[in-house]
Amino acid sequence: MKIVVVGGTGLIGSQVVARLRDRGGARAAAPSTGVDTLTGEGLEEALRGADVVVDVSNSPSFDTEPALDFFTRSARNLFAAEREAGVRHHVALSIVGVDQVPGYGYYEAKVAQENAVRASGVPYSIVRATQFFEFIAPVMNMSTEGTEVRLPSTRLRPIASADVAAAVAEAAQGEPSNAVRDIAGPEVYGLDRLGEITLAVKPDGRTVVTDDGAGLFAGMPDVLTGDGVAHLSATRYEEWLKQN
């Protein structure tokens, strides 16, 4: 089975490729390997003979218009190439609660991507994950003012990227579900609490200040925890921090 991983050199994609290496292999497709979904460059050759395409690519911008352009244009080019190549299964990575956050441009762009997947005519599986552990530190950095990290108490159930990659690789080796599978980490935290845990394990002179009007997750509805999700990973955030 030939599997092509679009975005295969990134955080999730590189781990998916590594997991599939011992199970028949997978090819990483990314601009650095000569494959550009925005322009279509290299797609025909990369997908020739492919059985499964995994799309874990990501927009370089969180702003509405660039993100929407990236996901819709990439999907248009990708699915045209997949239909031509006779791809039998498309696996897409999305976000838990993505369709329940109106007015947040990046999430709306991901919803547009999901809609393109469903309308493509290619059998599919969508894996929705909660926020990655690796995302917490950048969010903290973006929310730092002097020695204060201003974070809202928005509730999240974060997950290790390795656990996300495992779920995506599993989906790629299975049959298309033509449905969504939600995955999440084992514990719910306020984002401000995640910041406190991070600085307790890795102190750097900053302190967390709870500010429900600050940052990317300010005012988010309480849909990012994956409440009721049956597929919970075992890796705990504090344990992961100590190991990384």
Protein backbone atom coordinates (compact mmCIF):
# COMPACT_ATOMS: atom_id res chain seq x y z
CA MET A 1 0.00 0.00 0.00
CA LYS A 2 1.49 3.32 -1.10
CA ILE A 3 0.77 6.17 1.33
CA VAL A 4 1.62 9.82 0.62
CA VAL A 5 1.73 12.18 3.60
CA VAL A 6 1.08 15.78 2.59
CA GLY A 7 2.81 17.99 5.13
CA GLY A 8 5.02 15.00 5.85
CA THR A 9 8.00 17.06 7.05
CA GLY A 10 6.10 18.92 9.79
CA LEU A 11 5.45 18.19 13.46
CA ILE A 12 2.69 15.62 12.89
CA GLY A 13 3.60 14.54 9.37
CA SER A 14 7.17 13.54 10.16
CA GLN A 15 5.94 11.35 13.01
CA VAL A 16 3.25 9.77 10.80
CA VAL A 17 5.89 8.94 8.17
CA ALA A 18 8.14 7.44 10.84
CA ARG A 19 5.30 5.28 12.21
CA LEU A 20 4.41 4.00 8.75
CA ARG A 21 8.01 3.30 7.80
CA ASP A 22 7.89 -0.14 9.40
CA ARG A 23 4.51 -0.93 7.85
CA GLY A 24 5.24 -0.67 4.17
CA GLY A 25 6.48 2.91 4.17
CA ALA A 26 5.13 6.33 3.32
CA ARG A 27 6.39 9.24 1.25
CA ALA A 28 6.58 12.75 2.69
CA ALA A 29 5.15 15.37 0.31
CA ALA A 30 5.98 19.00 1.08
CA PRO A 31 7.46 22.02 -0.70
CA SER A 32 10.91 20.90 0.49
CA THR A 33 10.42 17.58 -1.34
CA GLY A 34 9.16 19.27 -4.52
CA VAL A 35 5.41 19.00 -3.85
CA ASP A 36 3.36 22.19 -3.47
CA THR A 37 -0.39 21.78 -3.00
CA LEU A 38 -1.00 25.53 -3.41
CA THR A 39 0.34 25.55 -6.96
CA GLY A 40 -0.15 21.87 -7.77
CA GLU A 41 3.57 21.51 -8.53
CA GLY A 42 4.77 17.91 -8.15
CA LEU A 43 1.36 16.55 -7.14
CA GLU A 44 0.74 14.34 -10.17
CA GLU A 45 4.08 12.60 -9.82
CA ALA A 46 3.87 12.30 -6.02
CA LEU A 47 0.42 10.69 -6.11
CA ARG A 48 1.02 8.34 -9.02
CA GLY A 49 0.11 4.85 -7.79
CA ALA A 50 -0.92 6.12 -4.34
CA ASP A 51 -3.57 4.18 -2.44
CA VAL A 52 -3.88 6.57 0.52
CA VAL A 53 -3.24 10.28 0.95
CA VAL A 54 -2.83 11.72 4.44
CA ASP A 55 -3.18 15.50 4.67
CA VAL A 56 -1.63 17.02 7.78
CA SER A 57 -0.48 20.21 6.06
CA ASN A 58 -1.13 23.53 7.77
CA SER A 59 -1.59 27.15 6.81
CA PRO A 60 1.41 29.35 7.60
CA SER A 61 -1.02 32.00 8.88
CA PHE A 62 -3.82 31.96 11.47
CA ASP A 63 -5.47 34.99 9.84
CA THR A 64 -8.81 34.35 8.14
CA GLU A 65 -8.13 35.13 4.48
CA PRO A 66 -4.68 33.50 4.14
CA ALA A 67 -5.83 30.39 6.03
CA LEU A 68 -9.02 30.09 3.97
CA ASP A 69 -7.07 30.51 0.74
CA PHE A 70 -4.50 27.92 1.81
CA PHE A 71 -6.96 25.20 2.79
CA THR A 72 -9.42 25.66 -0.08
CA ARG A 73 -6.84 26.04 -2.84
CA SER A 74 -4.77 23.15 -1.52
CA ALA A 75 -7.86 20.95 -1.31
CA ARG A 76 -8.90 21.81 -4.87
CA ASN A 77 -5.50 20.88 -6.28
CA LEU A 78 -5.05 17.85 -4.05
CA PHE A 79 -8.40 16.24 -4.81
CA ALA A 80 -8.07 16.81 -8.54
CA ALA A 81 -4.77 14.93 -8.39
CA GLU A 82 -6.22 12.21 -6.13
CA ARG A 83 -9.14 11.52 -8.48
CA GLU A 84 -6.76 11.34 -11.43
CA ALA A 85 -4.49 8.93 -9.54
CA GLY A 86 -7.36 6.73 -8.30
CA VAL A 87 -6.61 7.30 -4.60
CA ARG A 88 -8.86 5.07 -2.47
CA HIS A 89 -8.65 6.80 0.93
CA HIS A 90 -8.04 10.38 2.05
CA VAL A 91 -7.19 11.00 5.73
CA ALA A 92 -7.44 14.58 7.01
CA LEU A 93 -6.39 16.04 10.35
CA SER A 94 -8.71 18.65 11.88
CA ILE A 95 -9.61 20.13 15.28
CA VAL A 96 -12.08 19.03 17.96
CA GLY A 97 -14.93 21.54 18.17
CA VAL A 98 -13.85 23.28 14.96
CA ASP A 99 -17.42 23.71 13.72
CA GLN A 100 -18.62 25.20 17.01
CA VAL A 101 -16.45 28.35 17.12
CA PRO A 102 -18.15 30.96 14.89
CA GLY A 103 -16.20 34.08 14.08
CA TYR A 104 -12.73 32.56 14.51
CA GLY A 105 -11.22 32.74 11.04
CA TYR A 106 -8.71 29.90 11.25
CA TYR A 107 -11.38 27.49 12.50
CA GLU A 108 -13.73 28.60 9.72
CA ALA A 109 -10.95 27.83 7.24
CA LYS A 110 -10.59 24.34 8.69
CA VAL A 111 -14.35 23.82 8.39
CA ALA A 112 -14.06 24.78 4.72
CA GLN A 113 -11.31 22.18 4.38
CA GLU A 114 -13.51 19.51 5.99
CA ASN A 115 -16.36 20.41 3.65
CA ALA A 116 -14.02 20.03 0.67
CA VAL A 117 -13.03 16.57 1.94
CA ARG A 118 -16.67 15.48 2.17
CA ALA A 119 -17.51 16.86 -1.28
CA SER A 120 -14.43 15.45 -3.02
CA GLY A 121 -15.85 12.09 -4.03
CA VAL A 122 -12.78 10.37 -2.52
CA PRO A 123 -13.55 8.01 0.41
CA TYR A 124 -12.24 9.68 3.55
CA SER A 125 -11.57 9.63 7.28
CA ILE A 126 -11.33 12.82 9.35
CA VAL A 127 -9.37 12.74 12.61
CA ARG A 128 -10.12 15.70 14.86
CA ALA A 129 -7.64 16.33 17.68
CA THR A 130 -7.55 18.75 20.58
CA GLN A 131 -4.68 21.24 20.90
CA PHE A 132 -1.18 19.76 20.92
CA PHE A 133 1.06 19.90 23.98
CA GLU A 134 3.67 21.50 21.73
CA PHE A 135 1.32 24.42 21.10
CA ILE A 136 1.25 25.58 24.74
CA ALA A 137 4.72 27.19 24.83
CA PRO A 138 4.19 29.27 21.65
CA VAL A 139 0.81 30.46 22.98
CA MET A 140 2.53 31.48 26.20
CA ASN A 141 5.23 33.34 24.27
CA MET A 142 2.63 35.21 22.21
CA SER A 143 0.87 36.19 25.45
CA THR A 144 3.94 37.40 27.35
CA GLU A 145 4.19 41.02 28.46
CA GLY A 146 7.47 41.60 30.29
CA THR A 147 7.61 38.91 32.97
CA GLU A 148 3.84 38.23 32.88
CA VAL A 149 2.15 35.57 30.78
CA ARG A 150 -1.45 36.70 30.36
CA LEU A 151 -3.69 33.69 29.68
CA PRO A 152 -7.45 33.09 29.78
CA SER A 153 -9.02 30.31 31.81
CA THR A 154 -10.43 28.72 28.63
CA ARG A 155 -10.70 24.96 29.20
CA LEU A 156 -8.68 22.63 26.97
CA ARG A 157 -7.93 18.91 26.89
CA PRO A 158 -4.52 18.95 25.18
CA ILE A 159 -2.87 15.94 23.59
CA ALA A 160 0.69 14.91 22.73
CA SER A 161 1.51 15.21 19.03
CA ALA A 162 2.91 11.66 19.14
CA ASP A 163 -0.54 10.40 20.13
CA VAL A 164 -2.12 12.39 17.30
CA ALA A 165 0.36 10.93 14.82
CA ALA A 166 -0.44 7.42 16.07
CA ALA A 167 -4.17 7.96 15.48
CA VAL A 168 -3.60 9.40 12.01
CA ALA A 169 -1.29 6.53 11.05
CA GLU A 170 -3.86 4.04 12.32
CA ALA A 171 -6.57 5.69 10.22
CA ALA A 172 -4.33 5.59 7.14
CA GLN A 173 -3.92 1.83 7.46
CA GLY A 174 -7.64 1.20 7.92
CA GLU A 175 -10.69 1.47 5.72
CA PRO A 176 -12.31 4.86 5.02
CA SER A 177 -14.91 5.69 7.68
CA ASN A 178 -16.48 8.60 5.77
CA ALA A 179 -16.91 10.10 9.23
CA VAL A 180 -15.15 12.04 11.98
CA ARG A 181 -13.18 10.51 14.87
CA ASP A 182 -12.39 12.81 17.82
CA ILE A 183 -9.26 12.25 19.91
CA ALA A 184 -8.16 14.10 23.05
CA GLY A 185 -5.72 14.01 25.91
CA PRO A 186 -6.58 12.50 29.31
CA GLU A 187 -7.09 15.67 31.37
CA VAL A 188 -8.93 19.00 31.17
CA TYR A 189 -7.10 22.18 32.23
CA GLY A 190 -7.66 25.91 32.06
CA LEU A 191 -5.13 27.44 29.70
CA ASP A 192 -3.86 29.58 32.57
CA ARG A 193 -3.30 26.41 34.62
CA LEU A 194 -1.37 24.86 31.73
CA GLY A 195 0.87 27.93 31.81
CA GLU A 196 1.43 27.53 35.55
CA ILE A 197 2.30 23.84 35.16
CA THR A 198 4.73 24.69 32.35
CA LEU A 199 6.56 27.29 34.43
CA ALA A 200 6.61 25.04 37.49
CA VAL A 201 8.43 22.35 35.51
CA LYS A 202 10.53 24.79 33.47
CA PRO A 203 10.80 28.08 35.40
CA ASP A 204 12.15 31.04 33.43
CA GLY A 205 11.30 34.04 35.60
CA ARG A 206 7.81 34.57 34.18
CA THR A 207 4.56 34.27 36.09
CA VAL A 208 1.05 33.55 34.82
CA VAL A 209 -1.70 36.16 35.17
CA THR A 210 -5.25 35.00 34.46
CA ASP A 211 -6.79 37.36 31.89
CA ASP A 212 -9.93 36.11 30.15
CA GLY A 213 -9.57 38.78 27.49
CA ALA A 214 -6.05 37.86 26.43
CA GLY A 215 -4.69 35.85 23.55
CA LEU A 216 -5.89 33.50 20.83
CA PHE A 217 -8.30 31.55 23.05
CA ALA A 218 -10.00 34.50 24.74
CA GLY A 219 -13.76 34.15 24.72
CA MET A 220 -13.71 30.69 23.16
CA PRO A 221 -16.85 28.65 23.89
CA ASP A 222 -16.38 25.59 26.06
CA VAL A 223 -16.06 23.16 23.14
CA LEU A 224 -12.30 22.53 23.01
CA THR A 225 -12.19 19.83 25.68
CA GLY A 226 -13.59 17.00 23.63
CA ASP A 227 -16.12 16.24 26.36
CA GLY A 228 -17.62 12.84 25.69
CA VAL A 229 -14.77 11.81 23.40
CA ALA A 230 -14.26 8.05 23.64
CA HIS A 231 -10.70 8.07 22.33
CA LEU A 232 -8.49 9.54 25.08
CA SER A 233 -4.73 9.19 24.96
CA ALA A 234 -2.71 8.23 28.04
CA THR A 235 0.08 10.83 27.95
CA ARG A 236 -0.26 13.48 30.69
CA TYR A 237 0.99 17.01 30.08
CA GLU A 238 3.19 17.28 33.17
CA GLU A 239 4.87 13.93 32.44
CA TRP A 240 5.42 14.97 28.82
CA LEU A 241 7.00 18.27 29.93
CA LYS A 242 9.50 16.47 32.16
CA GLN A 243 10.49 14.14 29.31
CA ASN A 244 10.80 16.92 26.71
